[in-house]
């Protein structure tokens, strides 16, 4: 059980790092797209808030998912630490 928990903890750290980098880039991309598309549509005389809400919504969903995954990863890490501690009688 201790070996399985150690492997799971290691995998969770790698997943957390990967998702943090990936979702930060994803969020920044959609915010940049939101402002770029907005300025482009403003120049054309189109009300850009209707057209750019998709970009902002995607960025918001990515942020919520990232926070959910971060909570999940920390919960699994804490549970594995507890199991290791119980097995080692610390």
N, C-alpha and C. Protein backbone atom coordinates (compact mmCIF):
# COMPACT_ATOMS: atom_id res chain seq x y z
N UNK A 1 0.82 -1.21 0.00
CA UNK A 1 0.00 0.00 0.00
C UNK A 1 0.86 1.26 0.00
N UNK A 2 1.98 1.21 0.72
CA UNK A 2 2.85 2.38 0.80
C UNK A 2 3.47 2.67 -0.57
N UNK A 3 3.90 1.63 -1.32
CA UNK A 3 4.51 1.84 -2.64
C UNK A 3 3.49 2.44 -3.60
N UNK A 4 2.26 1.92 -3.57
CA UNK A 4 1.20 2.41 -4.44
C UNK A 4 0.91 3.87 -4.14
N UNK A 5 0.93 4.21 -2.87
CA UNK A 5 0.65 5.59 -2.48
C UNK A 5 1.78 6.52 -2.91
N UNK A 6 3.01 6.05 -2.82
CA UNK A 6 4.14 6.87 -3.25
C UNK A 6 4.07 7.14 -4.75
N UNK A 7 3.75 6.11 -5.50
CA UNK A 7 3.62 6.27 -6.96
C UNK A 7 2.49 7.24 -7.28
N UNK A 8 1.37 7.09 -6.60
CA UNK A 8 0.22 7.97 -6.83
C UNK A 8 0.56 9.42 -6.48
N UNK A 9 1.28 9.61 -5.40
CA UNK A 9 1.69 10.97 -5.01
C UNK A 9 2.58 11.59 -6.08
N UNK A 10 3.53 10.79 -6.58
CA UNK A 10 4.41 11.29 -7.64
C UNK A 10 3.65 11.64 -8.90
N UNK A 11 2.72 10.79 -9.28
CA UNK A 11 1.91 11.05 -10.47
C UNK A 11 1.07 12.31 -10.27
N UNK A 12 0.51 12.48 -9.09
CA UNK A 12 -0.31 13.66 -8.81
C UNK A 12 0.51 14.94 -8.90
N UNK A 13 1.76 14.91 -8.46
CA UNK A 13 2.61 16.10 -8.55
C UNK A 13 2.87 16.44 -10.02
N UNK A 14 3.18 15.43 -10.83
CA UNK A 14 3.42 15.66 -12.26
C UNK A 14 2.16 16.18 -12.94
N UNK A 15 1.01 15.57 -12.63
CA UNK A 15 -0.26 16.02 -13.22
C UNK A 15 -0.57 17.45 -12.80
N UNK A 16 -0.32 17.77 -11.53
CA UNK A 16 -0.59 19.12 -11.04
C UNK A 16 0.27 20.14 -11.77
N UNK A 17 1.55 19.84 -11.93
CA UNK A 17 2.45 20.77 -12.63
C UNK A 17 2.02 20.93 -14.08
N UNK A 18 1.74 19.82 -14.75
CA UNK A 18 1.32 19.87 -16.15
C UNK A 18 0.04 20.67 -16.31
N UNK A 19 -0.96 20.38 -15.49
CA UNK A 19 -2.24 21.08 -15.62
C UNK A 19 -2.11 22.56 -15.26
N UNK A 20 -1.28 22.87 -14.30
CA UNK A 20 -1.10 24.28 -13.95
C UNK A 20 -0.52 25.06 -15.12
N UNK A 21 0.52 24.51 -15.73
CA UNK A 21 1.12 25.20 -16.88
C UNK A 21 0.15 25.24 -18.05
N UNK A 22 -0.45 24.10 -18.36
CA UNK A 22 -1.35 24.02 -19.51
C UNK A 22 -2.56 24.94 -19.36
N UNK A 23 -3.21 24.88 -18.20
CA UNK A 23 -4.41 25.68 -18.04
C UNK A 23 -4.11 27.16 -17.89
N UNK A 24 -2.94 27.51 -17.33
CA UNK A 24 -2.58 28.93 -17.31
C UNK A 24 -2.41 29.45 -18.73
N UNK A 25 -1.73 28.69 -19.58
CA UNK A 25 -1.57 29.10 -20.97
C UNK A 25 -2.93 29.17 -21.68
N UNK A 26 -3.79 28.20 -21.39
CA UNK A 26 -5.13 28.16 -21.98
C UNK A 26 -5.94 29.40 -21.58
N UNK A 27 -5.89 29.73 -20.30
CA UNK A 27 -6.63 30.89 -19.80
C UNK A 27 -6.09 32.18 -20.40
N UNK A 28 -4.75 32.33 -20.42
CA UNK A 28 -4.17 33.54 -21.00
C UNK A 28 -4.50 33.67 -22.48
N UNK A 29 -4.49 32.53 -23.19
CA UNK A 29 -4.82 32.56 -24.61
C UNK A 29 -6.24 33.09 -24.83
N UNK A 30 -7.20 32.60 -24.05
CA UNK A 30 -8.58 33.03 -24.26
C UNK A 30 -8.79 34.48 -23.83
N UNK A 31 -8.07 34.93 -22.77
CA UNK A 31 -8.19 36.34 -22.41
C UNK A 31 -7.57 37.23 -23.48
N UNK A 32 -6.43 36.81 -24.04
CA UNK A 32 -5.84 37.59 -25.13
C UNK A 32 -6.74 37.59 -26.35
N UNK A 33 -7.32 36.44 -26.66
CA UNK A 33 -8.25 36.36 -27.78
C UNK A 33 -9.45 37.28 -27.55
N UNK A 34 -9.91 37.32 -26.32
CA UNK A 34 -11.05 38.18 -25.96
C UNK A 34 -10.74 39.64 -26.27
N UNK A 35 -9.57 40.11 -25.81
CA UNK A 35 -9.24 41.53 -26.01
C UNK A 35 -8.86 41.83 -27.45
N UNK A 36 -8.16 40.90 -28.11
CA UNK A 36 -7.79 41.14 -29.52
C UNK A 36 -9.03 41.15 -30.40
N UNK A 37 -9.89 40.17 -30.21
CA UNK A 37 -11.11 40.09 -31.02
C UNK A 37 -12.00 41.29 -30.73
N UNK A 38 -12.05 41.72 -29.49
CA UNK A 38 -12.85 42.89 -29.12
C UNK A 38 -12.37 44.15 -29.81
N UNK A 39 -11.06 44.37 -29.82
CA UNK A 39 -10.54 45.58 -30.47
C UNK A 39 -10.73 45.52 -31.98
N UNK A 40 -10.60 44.33 -32.55
CA UNK A 40 -10.79 44.17 -34.00
C UNK A 40 -12.26 44.44 -34.38
N UNK A 41 -13.19 43.90 -33.61
CA UNK A 41 -14.60 44.11 -33.90
C UNK A 41 -15.03 45.55 -33.63
N UNK A 42 -14.41 46.18 -32.61
CA UNK A 42 -14.70 47.59 -32.35
C UNK A 42 -14.32 48.44 -33.56
N UNK A 43 -13.19 48.11 -34.16
CA UNK A 43 -12.74 48.87 -35.33
C UNK A 43 -13.71 48.70 -36.50
N UNK A 44 -14.37 47.55 -36.57
CA UNK A 44 -15.34 47.30 -37.64
C UNK A 44 -16.73 47.85 -37.29
N UNK A 45 -16.89 48.36 -36.08
CA UNK A 45 -18.17 48.91 -35.67
C UNK A 45 -19.16 47.87 -35.16
N UNK A 46 -18.67 46.69 -34.78
CA UNK A 46 -19.54 45.62 -34.28
C UNK A 46 -19.48 45.63 -32.76
N UNK A 47 -20.60 45.38 -32.12
CA UNK A 47 -20.61 45.28 -30.67
C UNK A 47 -19.93 43.97 -30.26
N UNK A 48 -18.72 44.11 -29.74
CA UNK A 48 -17.88 42.91 -29.57
C UNK A 48 -18.23 42.09 -28.34
N UNK A 49 -18.97 42.61 -27.38
CA UNK A 49 -19.23 41.85 -26.16
C UNK A 49 -20.03 40.59 -26.45
N UNK A 50 -20.92 40.65 -27.44
CA UNK A 50 -21.70 39.47 -27.79
C UNK A 50 -20.82 38.40 -28.44
N UNK A 51 -19.89 38.84 -29.27
CA UNK A 51 -19.06 37.89 -30.01
C UNK A 51 -17.92 37.32 -29.18
N UNK A 52 -17.46 38.07 -28.19
CA UNK A 52 -16.29 37.64 -27.42
C UNK A 52 -16.66 36.94 -26.11
N UNK A 53 -17.92 36.84 -25.80
CA UNK A 53 -18.30 36.19 -24.55
C UNK A 53 -17.89 34.72 -24.55
N UNK A 54 -17.79 34.11 -25.73
CA UNK A 54 -17.34 32.72 -25.82
C UNK A 54 -15.92 32.58 -25.29
N UNK A 55 -15.03 33.48 -25.70
CA UNK A 55 -13.64 33.44 -25.24
C UNK A 55 -13.55 33.62 -23.73
N UNK A 56 -14.30 34.58 -23.23
CA UNK A 56 -14.28 34.83 -21.79
C UNK A 56 -14.88 33.66 -21.03
N UNK A 57 -15.95 33.08 -21.57
CA UNK A 57 -16.57 31.92 -20.93
C UNK A 57 -15.64 30.72 -20.90
N UNK A 58 -14.91 30.48 -21.97
CA UNK A 58 -13.96 29.37 -22.00
C UNK A 58 -12.85 29.58 -20.99
N UNK A 59 -12.37 30.79 -20.89
CA UNK A 59 -11.32 31.08 -19.91
C UNK A 59 -11.84 30.86 -18.49
N UNK A 60 -13.07 31.27 -18.23
CA UNK A 60 -13.65 31.07 -16.91
C UNK A 60 -13.84 29.59 -16.58
N UNK A 61 -14.32 28.82 -17.56
CA UNK A 61 -14.48 27.38 -17.34
C UNK A 61 -13.14 26.70 -17.09
N UNK A 62 -12.12 27.11 -17.83
CA UNK A 62 -10.79 26.54 -17.63
C UNK A 62 -10.28 26.86 -16.23
N UNK A 63 -10.54 28.07 -15.76
CA UNK A 63 -10.11 28.45 -14.42
C UNK A 63 -10.82 27.64 -13.35
N UNK A 64 -12.12 27.44 -13.50
CA UNK A 64 -12.89 26.64 -12.54
C UNK A 64 -12.40 25.19 -12.54
N UNK A 65 -12.17 24.63 -13.73
CA UNK A 65 -11.68 23.25 -13.82
C UNK A 65 -10.30 23.12 -13.19
N UNK A 66 -9.45 24.12 -13.42
CA UNK A 66 -8.10 24.10 -12.84
C UNK A 66 -8.19 24.11 -11.31
N UNK A 67 -9.07 24.93 -10.75
CA UNK A 67 -9.20 24.98 -9.29
C UNK A 67 -9.74 23.65 -8.76
N UNK A 68 -10.68 23.03 -9.48
CA UNK A 68 -11.22 21.74 -9.06
C UNK A 68 -10.13 20.68 -9.07
N UNK A 69 -9.33 20.64 -10.14
CA UNK A 69 -8.25 19.65 -10.22
C UNK A 69 -7.21 19.89 -9.14
N UNK A 70 -6.90 21.15 -8.87
CA UNK A 70 -5.93 21.45 -7.80
C UNK A 70 -6.43 20.96 -6.45
N UNK A 71 -7.72 21.15 -6.15
CA UNK A 71 -8.29 20.64 -4.89
C UNK A 71 -8.25 19.13 -4.86
N UNK A 72 -8.56 18.49 -5.97
CA UNK A 72 -8.54 17.03 -6.05
C UNK A 72 -7.13 16.49 -5.81
N UNK A 73 -6.15 17.11 -6.45
CA UNK A 73 -4.75 16.67 -6.30
C UNK A 73 -4.30 16.85 -4.85
N UNK A 74 -4.61 17.97 -4.24
CA UNK A 74 -4.18 18.17 -2.85
C UNK A 74 -4.89 17.21 -1.90
N UNK A 75 -6.16 16.89 -2.16
CA UNK A 75 -6.87 15.93 -1.32
C UNK A 75 -6.26 14.55 -1.42
N UNK A 76 -5.93 14.12 -2.63
CA UNK A 76 -5.29 12.81 -2.81
C UNK A 76 -3.93 12.78 -2.15
N UNK A 77 -3.16 13.86 -2.26
CA UNK A 77 -1.84 13.91 -1.64
C UNK A 77 -1.94 13.85 -0.11
N UNK A 78 -2.90 14.55 0.45
CA UNK A 78 -3.08 14.53 1.91
C UNK A 78 -3.51 13.13 2.36
N UNK A 79 -4.42 12.51 1.60
CA UNK A 79 -4.86 11.15 1.95
C UNK A 79 -3.70 10.17 1.89
N UNK A 80 -2.87 10.28 0.88
CA UNK A 80 -1.71 9.38 0.77
C UNK A 80 -0.71 9.62 1.89
N UNK A 81 -0.51 10.85 2.26
CA UNK A 81 0.39 11.15 3.39
C UNK A 81 -0.15 10.53 4.68
N UNK A 82 -1.45 10.63 4.87
CA UNK A 82 -2.08 10.05 6.06
C UNK A 82 -1.92 8.53 6.07
N UNK A 83 -2.16 7.89 4.92
CA UNK A 83 -2.02 6.43 4.83
C UNK A 83 -0.58 6.01 5.12
N UNK A 84 0.38 6.75 4.55
CA UNK A 84 1.79 6.43 4.80
C UNK A 84 2.12 6.58 6.28
N UNK A 85 1.61 7.62 6.88
CA UNK A 85 1.87 7.86 8.30
C UNK A 85 1.27 6.76 9.15
N UNK A 86 0.06 6.32 8.82
CA UNK A 86 -0.58 5.25 9.58
C UNK A 86 0.18 3.92 9.43
N UNK A 87 0.68 3.66 8.22
CA UNK A 87 1.43 2.42 7.99
C UNK A 87 2.79 2.43 8.68
N UNK A 88 3.36 3.63 8.82
CA UNK A 88 4.67 3.74 9.46
C UNK A 88 4.56 4.02 10.96
N UNK A 89 3.36 4.20 11.46
CA UNK A 89 3.09 4.52 12.87
C UNK A 89 3.90 5.72 13.35
N UNK A 90 3.75 6.83 12.63
CA UNK A 90 4.55 8.00 12.99
C UNK A 90 3.94 8.81 14.12
